[in-house]
Amino acid sequence: MTNKPIAHSAALLALALICLLTVTAHATHISFERGDIFVSLESGPVQWRLADGTLWRPLVGTVPGTGEGMAFDPYGHLYVTRWCIDPWCSSTGSTVEMFDVLGRSWGAVGSGYNCNPHALVFDAANVAYVGQAGCSGSLLKFVPGEFGPRQYDVAWENQGSFWVDLGLDGCTIFYTSWGSSVKRFDTCAGVQLPDFNAEPVAGGQNQDLRVLPDGCLIVSAGPQIVRLDQQGVVAQTYTVPEATYWSGLELAGDGTSFWAVNYETSNVYRFDLATGAVVSNFNAGTPAHSVVGIRIMR
């Protein structure tokens, strides 16, 4: 005959140990860790999520302005671009906010922004490139130790240097301007390069883009995401059955998949790069037209 009190006590002890281990595991997740997912919201906060997409906690900054593009520097600090939220960009936003590895805001960083910095990227030497969507639309280069940024008056279509990424050569900035082109600028030579894409991308509303390790690109282009080969020709498209308007993109880090943000539904999808199949997904739990960017801690 089973001793029920002893069995019951053993079950309670096992449950308590599981709970303790879970709490301890979560309690140690006090800083950004490799694989963590970050999702920017137009309302301002950034969602800090675990590698499986589970919401960990929001990062609420101290700088006014919308949440737009994001990037990590080589030290693991997270930077979020803030669009201005007043008509003249005079007092609220139009800057970049930094969070340390514990998720604490250090306030606005950098200077010399024209208006509406929208996306940024760092190289291994901690040089930052910031694309601006408004006013001059110029691309800014922040070099450690230099006072103020270097400014490049890049060619643009509708939204300046809207989304940006750094090419494999460490010099070429690939960028979109909310149009049908993927544009390029050589920051080492200081010259505009020919557009990367061989033909206009269907949709005409290119947003985020990521350079792949083989020199190809993925680009969110309105209702679809496209992969451009090394000659700038569309090699593959990615989409889902629901209404879509793609914004942020991020490589998953496994070399075989990427994340994409659906601005229409606040659903975030992970696609297999080769097959186009959806590997996983989660919903940000926010209204439509609120989720913008996505980045992963490396």
C-alpha atoms as a PDB file:
ATOM      1  CA  MET A   1       0.000   0.000   0.000  1.00  0.00           C
ATOM      2  CA  THR A   2       1.319   3.454  -0.931  1.00  0.00           C
ATOM      3  CA  ASN A   3       2.093   5.800   1.926  1.00  0.00           C
ATOM      4  CA  LYS A   4       0.046   8.751   0.672  1.00  0.00           C
ATOM      5  CA  PRO A   5       1.397  11.404   3.095  1.00  0.00           C
ATOM      6  CA  ILE A   6       4.989  10.509   2.142  1.00  0.00           C
ATOM      7  CA  ALA A   7       4.166  10.450  -1.609  1.00  0.00           C
ATOM      8  CA  HIS A   8       2.345  13.761  -1.281  1.00  0.00           C
ATOM      9  CA  SER A   9       5.273  15.338   0.554  1.00  0.00           C
ATOM     10  CA  ALA A  10       7.697  14.062  -2.071  1.00  0.00           C
ATOM     11  CA  ALA A  11       5.565  15.542  -4.826  1.00  0.00           C
ATOM     12  CA  LEU A  12       5.426  18.889  -3.048  1.00  0.00           C
ATOM     13  CA  LEU A  13       9.191  18.837  -2.543  1.00  0.00           C
ATOM     14  CA  ALA A  14       9.776  18.086  -6.241  1.00  0.00           C
ATOM     15  CA  LEU A  15       7.440  20.901  -7.236  1.00  0.00           C
ATOM     16  CA  ALA A  16       9.173  23.293  -4.853  1.00  0.00           C
ATOM     17  CA  LEU A  17      12.570  22.385  -6.327  1.00  0.00           C
ATOM     18  CA  ILE A  18      11.300  22.968  -9.862  1.00  0.00           C
ATOM     19  CA  CYS A  19       9.899  26.352  -8.857  1.00  0.00           C
ATOM     20  CA  LEU A  20      13.141  27.262  -7.070  1.00  0.00           C
ATOM     21  CA  LEU A  21      15.255  26.304 -10.081  1.00  0.00           C
ATOM     22  CA  THR A  22      12.960  28.281 -12.398  1.00  0.00           C
ATOM     23  CA  VAL A  23      13.050  31.384 -10.209  1.00  0.00           C
ATOM     24  CA  THR A  24      16.828  31.062  -9.830  1.00  0.00           C
ATOM     25  CA  ALA A  25      17.298  30.716 -13.589  1.00  0.00           C
ATOM     26  CA  HIS A  26      15.173  33.776 -14.208  1.00  0.00           C
ATOM     27  CA  ALA A  27      16.812  35.722 -11.412  1.00  0.00           C
ATOM     28  CA  THR A  28      20.211  35.240 -13.067  1.00  0.00           C
ATOM     29  CA  HIS A  29      18.906  36.714 -16.329  1.00  0.00           C
ATOM     30  CA  ILE A  30      19.559  40.252 -15.162  1.00  0.00           C
ATOM     31  CA  SER A  31      21.623  41.377 -18.131  1.00  0.00           C
ATOM     32  CA  PHE A  32      21.352  41.039 -21.888  1.00  0.00           C
ATOM     33  CA  GLU A  33      22.356  37.547 -22.991  1.00  0.00           C
ATOM     34  CA  ARG A  34      23.268  36.037 -26.330  1.00  0.00           C
ATOM     35  CA  GLY A  35      20.141  35.157 -28.275  1.00  0.00           C
ATOM     36  CA  ASP A  36      17.861  37.633 -26.478  1.00  0.00           C
ATOM     37  CA  ILE A  37      15.384  39.332 -28.820  1.00  0.00           C
ATOM     38  CA  PHE A  38      14.558  43.052 -28.733  1.00  0.00           C
ATOM     39  CA  VAL A  39      11.493  44.553 -30.413  1.00  0.00           C
ATOM     40  CA  SER A  40      11.027  48.323 -30.742  1.00  0.00           C
ATOM     41  CA  LEU A  41       7.601  49.938 -30.449  1.00  0.00           C
ATOM     42  CA  GLU A  42       6.482  53.223 -31.958  1.00  0.00           C
ATOM     43  CA  SER A  43       5.049  54.158 -28.568  1.00  0.00           C
ATOM     44  CA  GLY A  44       8.614  54.271 -27.230  1.00  0.00           C
ATOM     45  CA  PRO A  45       9.385  51.166 -25.130  1.00  0.00           C
ATOM     46  CA  VAL A  46      11.471  48.223 -26.307  1.00  0.00           C
ATOM     47  CA  GLN A  47      10.380  44.680 -25.534  1.00  0.00           C
ATOM     48  CA  TRP A  48      13.173  42.524 -24.106  1.00  0.00           C
ATOM     49  CA  ARG A  49      12.366  38.901 -24.962  1.00  0.00           C
ATOM     50  CA  LEU A  50      14.096  35.594 -24.352  1.00  0.00           C
ATOM     51  CA  ALA A  51      15.502  33.600 -27.258  1.00  0.00           C
ATOM     52  CA  ASP A  52      12.247  31.640 -27.661  1.00  0.00           C
ATOM     53  CA  GLY A  53      10.232  34.866 -28.003  1.00  0.00           C
ATOM     54  CA  THR A  54       8.882  34.897 -24.434  1.00  0.00           C
ATOM     55  CA  LEU A  55       8.472  38.436 -23.131  1.00  0.00           C
ATOM     56  CA  TRP A  56      10.967  39.052 -20.332  1.00  0.00           C
ATOM     57  CA  ARG A  57      10.346  42.738 -19.565  1.00  0.00           C
ATOM     58  CA  PRO A  58       9.991  46.099 -21.295  1.00  0.00           C
ATOM     59  CA  LEU A  59      12.779  48.651 -21.463  1.00  0.00           C
ATOM     60  CA  VAL A  60      11.226  52.030 -20.754  1.00  0.00           C
ATOM     61  CA  GLY A  61      13.579  54.834 -21.674  1.00  0.00           C
ATOM     62  CA  THR A  62      13.964  58.377 -20.464  1.00  0.00           C
ATOM     63  CA  VAL A  63      14.148  60.019 -23.897  1.00  0.00           C
ATOM     64  CA  PRO A  64      10.893  61.112 -25.590  1.00  0.00           C
ATOM     65  CA  GLY A  65      10.209  59.991 -29.130  1.00  0.00           C
ATOM     66  CA  THR A  66       9.085  56.934 -31.036  1.00  0.00           C
ATOM     67  CA  GLY A  67      11.030  53.682 -30.984  1.00  0.00           C
ATOM     68  CA  GLU A  68      12.517  52.978 -34.400  1.00  0.00           C
ATOM     69  CA  GLY A  69      15.736  51.207 -35.408  1.00  0.00           C
ATOM     70  CA  MET A  70      18.124  49.521 -32.965  1.00  0.00           C
ATOM     71  CA  ALA A  71      21.698  48.246 -32.827  1.00  0.00           C
ATOM     72  CA  PHE A  72      24.214  46.816 -30.376  1.00  0.00           C
ATOM     73  CA  ASP A  73      27.712  48.207 -29.990  1.00  0.00           C
ATOM     74  CA  PRO A  74      30.658  45.783 -29.504  1.00  0.00           C
ATOM     75  CA  TYR A  75      30.208  46.044 -25.717  1.00  0.00           C
ATOM     76  CA  GLY A  76      26.606  44.866 -25.723  1.00  0.00           C
ATOM     77  CA  HIS A  77      24.929  48.235 -25.167  1.00  0.00           C
ATOM     78  CA  LEU A  78      21.638  48.699 -26.992  1.00  0.00           C
ATOM     79  CA  TYR A  79      20.964  51.892 -28.975  1.00  0.00           C
ATOM     80  CA  VAL A  80      17.468  52.964 -30.052  1.00  0.00           C
ATOM     81  CA  THR A  81      16.752  55.739 -32.521  1.00  0.00           C
ATOM     82  CA  ARG A  82      14.055  58.218 -31.495  1.00  0.00           C
ATOM     83  CA  TRP A  83      11.980  60.116 -34.016  1.00  0.00           C
ATOM     84  CA  CYS A  84      10.765  63.518 -32.953  1.00  0.00           C
ATOM     85  CA  ILE A  85       7.136  63.732 -31.840  1.00  0.00           C
ATOM     86  CA  ASP A  86       6.581  67.460 -32.267  1.00  0.00           C
ATOM     87  CA  PRO A  87       6.043  69.109 -35.662  1.00  0.00           C
ATOM     88  CA  TRP A  88       9.330  71.052 -35.680  1.00  0.00           C
ATOM     89  CA  CYS A  89      11.662  68.479 -34.094  1.00  0.00           C
ATOM     90  CA  SER A  90      12.598  71.162 -31.608  1.00  0.00           C
ATOM     91  CA  SER A  91      12.320  69.527 -28.198  1.00  0.00           C
ATOM     92  CA  THR A  92      11.169  65.907 -28.193  1.00  0.00           C
ATOM     93  CA  GLY A  93      13.109  63.092 -29.741  1.00  0.00           C
ATOM     94  CA  SER A  94      15.252  63.314 -32.872  1.00  0.00           C
ATOM     95  CA  THR A  95      18.143  61.596 -31.126  1.00  0.00           C
ATOM     96  CA  VAL A  96      19.514  58.186 -30.094  1.00  0.00           C
ATOM     97  CA  GLU A  97      19.056  56.611 -26.664  1.00  0.00           C
ATOM     98  CA  MET A  98      21.441  54.091 -25.098  1.00  0.00           C
ATOM     99  CA  PHE A  99      20.662  51.240 -22.688  1.00  0.00           C
ATOM    100  CA  ASP A 100      23.387  49.415 -20.775  1.00  0.00           C
ATOM    101  CA  VAL A 101      23.563  45.621 -20.529  1.00  0.00           C
ATOM    102  CA  LEU A 102      21.235  45.693 -17.512  1.00  0.00           C
ATOM    103  CA  GLY A 103      18.563  47.480 -19.534  1.00  0.00           C
ATOM    104  CA  ARG A 104      19.062  50.861 -17.835  1.00  0.00           C
ATOM    105  CA  SER A 105      18.758  54.009 -19.912  1.00  0.00           C
ATOM    106  CA  TRP A 106      21.792  56.291 -20.121  1.00  0.00           C
ATOM    107  CA  GLY A 107      19.735  58.905 -21.911  1.00  0.00           C
ATOM    108  CA  ALA A 108      20.455  60.539 -25.247  1.00  0.00           C
ATOM    109  CA  VAL A 109      23.847  59.982 -26.848  1.00  0.00           C
ATOM    110  CA  GLY A 110      25.569  61.608 -29.796  1.00  0.00           C
ATOM    111  CA  SER A 111      24.942  64.985 -31.373  1.00  0.00           C
ATOM    112  CA  GLY A 112      24.623  66.643 -34.738  1.00  0.00           C
ATOM    113  CA  TYR A 113      21.410  64.907 -35.741  1.00  0.00           C
ATOM    114  CA  ASN A 114      19.398  66.774 -38.351  1.00  0.00           C
ATOM    115  CA  CYS A 115      16.011  65.186 -37.760  1.00  0.00           C
ATOM    116  CA  ASN A 116      14.494  61.740 -37.476  1.00  0.00           C
ATOM    117  CA  PRO A 117      17.472  59.411 -37.055  1.00  0.00           C
ATOM    118  CA  HIS A 118      15.874  56.105 -37.962  1.00  0.00           C
ATOM    119  CA  ALA A 119      18.372  53.249 -38.098  1.00  0.00           C
ATOM    120  CA  LEU A 120      21.948  52.578 -37.085  1.00  0.00           C
ATOM    121  CA  VAL A 121      24.696  49.980 -37.267  1.00  0.00           C
ATOM    122  CA  PHE A 122      28.080  49.512 -35.550  1.00  0.00           C
ATOM    123  CA  ASP A 123      31.243  47.995 -36.926  1.00  0.00           C
ATOM    124  CA  ALA A 124      33.746  45.970 -34.893  1.00  0.00           C
ATOM    125  CA  ALA A 125      35.770  49.123 -34.080  1.00  0.00           C
ATOM    126  CA  ASN A 126      32.717  50.748 -32.441  1.00  0.00           C
ATOM    127  CA  VAL A 127      32.181  53.150 -35.332  1.00  0.00           C
ATOM    128  CA  ALA A 128      28.468  53.953 -35.605  1.00  0.00           C
ATOM    129  CA  TYR A 129      26.567  54.796 -38.768  1.00  0.00           C
ATOM    130  CA  VAL A 130      23.197  56.508 -38.326  1.00  0.00           C
ATOM    131  CA  GLY A 131      20.698  56.909 -41.143  1.00  0.00           C
ATOM    132  CA  GLN A 132      18.307  59.860 -40.996  1.00  0.00           C
ATOM    133  CA  ALA A 133      14.865  59.742 -42.549  1.00  0.00           C
ATOM    134  CA  GLY A 134      13.957  63.421 -42.362  1.00  0.00           C
ATOM    135  CA  CYS A 135      15.265  66.871 -43.275  1.00  0.00           C
ATOM    136  CA  SER A 136      18.617  66.430 -45.067  1.00  0.00           C
ATOM    137  CA  GLY A 137      18.329  62.637 -45.011  1.00  0.00           C
ATOM    138  CA  SER A 138      22.096  62.482 -44.562  1.00  0.00           C
ATOM    139  CA  LEU A 139      24.087  59.535 -43.247  1.00  0.00           C
ATOM    140  CA  LEU A 140      26.133  60.209 -40.110  1.00  0.00           C
ATOM    141  CA  LYS A 141      29.346  58.443 -39.101  1.00  0.00           C
ATOM    142  CA  PHE A 142      30.403  58.574 -35.438  1.00  0.00           C
ATOM    143  CA  VAL A 143      34.074  57.668 -34.899  1.00  0.00           C
ATOM    144  CA  PRO A 144      35.239  57.159 -31.287  1.00  0.00           C
ATOM    145  CA  GLY A 145      37.426  60.054 -30.179  1.00  0.00           C
ATOM    146  CA  GLU A 146      36.143  62.474 -32.809  1.00  0.00           C
ATOM    147  CA  PHE A 147      34.022  65.476 -31.872  1.00  0.00           C
ATOM    148  CA  GLY A 148      30.760  65.327 -33.774  1.00  0.00           C
ATOM    149  CA  PRO A 149      29.850  63.079 -36.684  1.00  0.00           C
ATOM    150  CA  ARG A 150      31.053  62.999 -40.252  1.00  0.00           C
ATOM    151  CA  GLN A 151      28.136  63.711 -42.572  1.00  0.00           C
ATOM    152  CA  TYR A 152      27.490  62.157 -45.975  1.00  0.00           C
ATOM    153  CA  ASP A 153      24.875  63.698 -48.256  1.00  0.00           C
ATOM    154  CA  VAL A 154      23.647  60.464 -49.778  1.00  0.00           C
ATOM    155  CA  ALA A 155      21.216  60.114 -52.679  1.00  0.00           C
ATOM    156  CA  TRP A 156      17.694  59.246 -51.601  1.00  0.00           C
ATOM    157  CA  GLU A 157      14.168  58.608 -52.780  1.00  0.00           C
ATOM    158  CA  ASN A 158      11.442  59.384 -50.229  1.00  0.00           C
ATOM    159  CA  GLN A 159      12.828  59.003 -46.692  1.00  0.00           C
ATOM    160  CA  GLY A 160      16.519  59.881 -46.625  1.00  0.00           C
ATOM    161  CA  SER A 161      18.827  57.109 -45.437  1.00  0.00           C
ATOM    162  CA  PHE A 162      15.890  55.275 -43.870  1.00  0.00           C
ATOM    163  CA  TRP A 163      17.218  51.803 -42.905  1.00  0.00           C
ATOM    164  CA  VAL A 164      20.934  51.010 -43.054  1.00  0.00           C
ATOM    165  CA  ASP A 165      23.326  48.069 -42.862  1.00  0.00           C
ATOM    166  CA  LEU A 166      27.071  47.733 -43.286  1.00  0.00           C
ATOM    167  CA  GLY A 167      28.539  45.736 -46.148  1.00  0.00           C
ATOM    168  CA  LEU A 168      31.091  42.973 -45.761  1.00  0.00           C
ATOM    169  CA  ASP A 169      33.909  45.288 -46.915  1.00  0.00           C
ATOM    170  CA  GLY A 170      33.447  47.536 -43.865  1.00  0.00           C
ATOM    171  CA  CYS A 171      33.041  50.594 -46.080  1.00  0.00           C
ATOM    172  CA  THR A 172      29.808  50.258 -48.026  1.00  0.00           C
ATOM    173  CA  ILE A 173      26.548  51.272 -46.378  1.00  0.00           C
ATOM    174  CA  PHE A 174      23.524  49.626 -47.952  1.00  0.00           C
ATOM    175  CA  TYR A 175      20.365  51.625 -47.307  1.00  0.00           C
ATOM    176  CA  THR A 176      16.752  52.073 -48.304  1.00  0.00           C
ATOM    177  CA  SER A 177      14.777  55.274 -48.700  1.00  0.00           C
ATOM    178  CA  TRP A 178      11.180  54.010 -48.624  1.00  0.00           C
ATOM    179  CA  GLY A 179      11.293  53.493 -52.363  1.00  0.00           C
ATOM    180  CA  SER A 180      11.976  50.692 -54.836  1.00  0.00           C
ATOM    181  CA  SER A 181      15.779  50.795 -54.661  1.00  0.00           C
ATOM    182  CA  VAL A 182      18.516  49.448 -52.420  1.00  0.00           C
ATOM    183  CA  LYS A 183      21.076  52.220 -52.460  1.00  0.00           C
ATOM    184  CA  ARG A 184      24.786  52.194 -51.589  1.00  0.00           C
ATOM    185  CA  PHE A 185      27.350  54.681 -50.342  1.00  0.00           C
ATOM    186  CA  ASP A 186      31.093  54.076 -49.908  1.00  0.00           C
ATOM    187  CA  THR A 187      32.030  55.795 -46.640  1.00  0.00           C
ATOM    188  CA  CYS A 188      35.756  55.087 -47.102  1.00  0.00           C
ATOM    189  CA  ALA A 189      35.956  56.844 -50.479  1.00  0.00           C
ATOM    190  CA  GLY A 190      33.082  59.226 -49.725  1.00  0.00           C
ATOM    191  CA  VAL A 191      31.254  58.467 -52.963  1.00  0.00           C
ATOM    192  CA  GLN A 192      27.788  57.349 -53.970  1.00  0.00           C
ATOM    193  CA  LEU A 193      27.699  53.925 -55.602  1.00  0.00           C
ATOM    194  CA  PRO A 194      25.189  52.564 -58.136  1.00  0.00           C
ATOM    195  CA  ASP A 195      22.011  51.041 -56.713  1.00  0.00           C
ATOM    196  CA  PHE A 196      22.459  47.420 -55.675  1.00  0.00           C
ATOM    197  CA  ASN A 197      19.241  46.020 -57.139  1.00  0.00           C
ATOM    198  CA  ALA A 198      19.181  45.291 -60.848  1.00  0.00           C
ATOM    199  CA  GLU A 199      15.502  46.270 -61.200  1.00  0.00           C
ATOM    200  CA  PRO A 200      13.054  48.139 -58.929  1.00  0.00           C
ATOM    201  CA  VAL A 201      11.771  45.945 -56.113  1.00  0.00           C
ATOM    202  CA  ALA A 202       8.022  45.381 -56.441  1.00  0.00           C
ATOM    203  CA  GLY A 203       6.051  47.250 -53.798  1.00  0.00           C
ATOM    204  CA  GLY A 204       8.181  50.369 -53.832  1.00  0.00           C
ATOM    205  CA  GLN A 205       8.292  50.696 -50.036  1.00  0.00           C
ATOM    206  CA  ASN A 206      11.605  49.142 -49.059  1.00  0.00           C
ATOM    207  CA  GLN A 207      12.389  49.248 -45.371  1.00  0.00           C
ATOM    208  CA  ASP A 208      14.819  47.199 -43.292  1.00  0.00           C
ATOM    209  CA  LEU A 209      17.610  45.223 -44.934  1.00  0.00           C
ATOM    210  CA  ARG A 210      20.303  42.834 -43.756  1.00  0.00           C
ATOM    211  CA  VAL A 211      23.499  41.859 -45.537  1.00  0.00           C
ATOM    212  CA  LEU A 212      23.981  38.089 -45.566  1.00  0.00           C
ATOM    213  CA  PRO A 213      27.370  36.417 -45.025  1.00  0.00           C
ATOM    214  CA  ASP A 214      27.551  35.518 -48.739  1.00  0.00           C
ATOM    215  CA  GLY A 215      27.017  39.112 -49.878  1.00  0.00           C
ATOM    216  CA  CYS A 216      23.342  38.658 -50.736  1.00  0.00           C
ATOM    217  CA  LEU A 217      20.658  40.830 -49.082  1.00  0.00           C
ATOM    218  CA  ILE A 218      17.217  40.376 -47.599  1.00  0.00           C
ATOM    219  CA  VAL A 219      14.925  43.397 -47.840  1.00  0.00           C
ATOM    220  CA  SER A 220      11.465  44.032 -46.402  1.00  0.00           C
ATOM    221  CA  ALA A 221       9.497  45.448 -49.300  1.00  0.00           C
ATOM    222  CA  GLY A 222       5.925  46.248 -48.319  1.00  0.00           C
ATOM    223  CA  PRO A 223       3.809  43.097 -48.686  1.00  0.00           C
ATOM    224  CA  GLN A 224       6.800  40.812 -49.193  1.00  0.00           C
ATOM    225  CA  ILE A 225      10.377  40.181 -48.181  1.00  0.00           C
ATOM    226  CA  VAL A 226      12.877  39.574 -50.949  1.00  0.00           C
ATOM    227  CA  ARG A 227      16.326  38.028 -51.100  1.00  0.00           C
ATOM    228  CA  LEU A 228      18.604  39.698 -53.619  1.00  0.00           C
ATOM    229  CA  ASP A 229      21.545  37.709 -54.955  1.00  0.00           C
ATOM    230  CA  GLN A 230      25.057  39.107 -55.342  1.00  0.00           C
ATOM    231  CA  GLN A 231      24.045  40.751 -58.633  1.00  0.00           C
ATOM    232  CA  GLY A 232      21.028  42.435 -57.027  1.00  0.00           C
ATOM    233  CA  VAL A 233      18.489  40.166 -58.720  1.00  0.00           C
ATOM    234  CA  VAL A 234      15.473  38.874 -56.772  1.00  0.00           C
ATOM    235  CA  ALA A 235      16.251  35.238 -55.974  1.00  0.00           C
ATOM    236  CA  GLN A 236      13.442  34.469 -53.521  1.00  0.00           C
ATOM    237  CA  THR A 237      10.424  35.992 -51.820  1.00  0.00           C
ATOM    238  CA  TYR A 238       8.993  35.381 -48.343  1.00  0.00           C
ATOM    239  CA  THR A 239       5.526  36.131 -47.015  1.00  0.00           C
ATOM    240  CA  VAL A 240       2.578  34.743 -45.012  1.00  0.00           C
ATOM    241  CA  PRO A 241      -1.148  34.448 -45.840  1.00  0.00           C
ATOM    242  CA  GLU A 242      -2.278  37.242 -43.487  1.00  0.00           C
ATOM    243  CA  ALA A 243      -2.232  40.932 -44.347  1.00  0.00           C
ATOM    244  CA  THR A 244       1.366  42.057 -44.330  1.00  0.00           C
ATOM    245  CA  TYR A 245       3.483  45.172 -44.322  1.00  0.00           C
ATOM    246  CA  TRP A 246       6.993  44.176 -43.344  1.00  0.00           C
ATOM    247  CA  SER A 247       9.285  46.460 -41.393  1.00  0.00           C
ATOM    248  CA  GLY A 248      12.169  45.206 -39.215  1.00  0.00           C
ATOM    249  CA  LEU A 249      14.438  42.287 -40.151  1.00  0.00           C
ATOM    250  CA  GLU A 250      17.167  40.444 -38.242  1.00  0.00           C
ATOM    251  CA  LEU A 251      19.360  37.436 -38.929  1.00  0.00           C
ATOM    252  CA  ALA A 252      18.682  34.714 -36.391  1.00  0.00           C
ATOM    253  CA  GLY A 253      22.342  33.876 -35.828  1.00  0.00           C
ATOM    254  CA  ASP A 254      22.150  30.254 -36.934  1.00  0.00           C
ATOM    255  CA  GLY A 255      23.018  31.063 -40.546  1.00  0.00           C
ATOM    256  CA  THR A 256      19.822  29.469 -41.820  1.00  0.00           C
ATOM    257  CA  SER A 257      16.943  31.720 -40.736  1.00  0.00           C
ATOM    258  CA  PHE A 258      15.871  35.297 -40.080  1.00  0.00           C
ATOM    259  CA  TRP A 259      13.229  37.213 -38.105  1.00  0.00           C
ATOM    260  CA  ALA A 260      10.739  39.635 -39.684  1.00  0.00           C
ATOM    261  CA  VAL A 261       8.226  42.054 -38.146  1.00  0.00           C
ATOM    262  CA  ASN A 262       4.738  42.345 -39.643  1.00  0.00           C
ATOM    263  CA  TYR A 263       3.732  45.958 -39.048  1.00  0.00           C
ATOM    264  CA  GLU A 264       0.075  45.214 -39.857  1.00  0.00           C
ATOM    265  CA  THR A 265      -0.517  42.556 -37.199  1.00  0.00           C
ATOM    266  CA  SER A 266       2.381  42.861 -34.694  1.00  0.00           C
ATOM    267  CA  ASN A 267       3.226  39.244 -35.466  1.00  0.00           C
ATOM    268  CA  VAL A 268       6.927  38.424 -35.579  1.00  0.00           C
ATOM    269  CA  TYR A 269       7.992  35.510 -37.788  1.00  0.00           C
ATOM    270  CA  ARG A 270      11.124  33.440 -38.131  1.00  0.00           C
ATOM    271  CA  PHE A 271      11.656  32.263 -41.711  1.00  0.00           C
ATOM    272  CA  ASP A 272      13.897  29.534 -43.030  1.00  0.00           C
ATOM    273  CA  LEU A 273      16.217  31.363 -45.404  1.00  0.00           C
ATOM    274  CA  ALA A 274      16.447  28.557 -47.957  1.00  0.00           C
ATOM    275  CA  THR A 275      12.872  27.252 -48.072  1.00  0.00           C
ATOM    276  CA  GLY A 276      10.834  30.285 -46.973  1.00  0.00           C
ATOM    277  CA  ALA A 277       8.974  28.157 -44.409  1.00  0.00           C
ATOM    278  CA  VAL A 278       7.897  29.746 -41.129  1.00  0.00           C
ATOM    279  CA  VAL A 279       9.991  28.193 -38.356  1.00  0.00           C
ATOM    280  CA  SER A 280       8.331  29.948 -35.407  1.00  0.00           C
ATOM    281  CA  ASN A 281       6.433  33.102 -34.535  1.00  0.00           C
ATOM    282  CA  PHE A 282       5.052  35.178 -31.686  1.00  0.00           C
ATOM    283  CA  ASN A 283       2.796  38.195 -31.299  1.00  0.00           C
ATOM    284  CA  ALA A 284       4.090  41.320 -29.604  1.00  0.00           C
ATOM    285  CA  GLY A 285       0.735  41.829 -27.888  1.00  0.00           C
ATOM    286  CA  THR A 286       0.428  45.379 -29.194  1.00  0.00           C
ATOM    287  CA  PRO A 287      -2.007  47.048 -31.614  1.00  0.00           C
ATOM    288  CA  ALA A 288      -1.482  47.023 -35.355  1.00  0.00           C
ATOM    289  CA  HIS A 289       1.041  49.540 -36.695  1.00  0.00           C
ATOM    290  CA  SER A 290       3.068  49.647 -33.490  1.00  0.00           C
ATOM    291  CA  VAL A 291       5.978  47.212 -33.930  1.00  0.00           C
ATOM    292  CA  VAL A 292       8.911  48.538 -35.932  1.00  0.00           C
ATOM    293  CA  GLY A 293      12.332  46.969 -35.430  1.00  0.00           C
ATOM    294  CA  ILE A 294      13.916  43.755 -34.190  1.00  0.00           C
ATOM    295  CA  ARG A 295      17.472  42.956 -33.100  1.00  0.00           C
ATOM    296  CA  ILE A 296      19.194  40.011 -31.417  1.00  0.00           C
ATOM    297  CA  MET A 297      21.976  40.151 -28.856  1.00  0.00           C
ATOM    298  CA  ARG A 298      25.054  38.414 -30.326  1.00  0.00           C
END
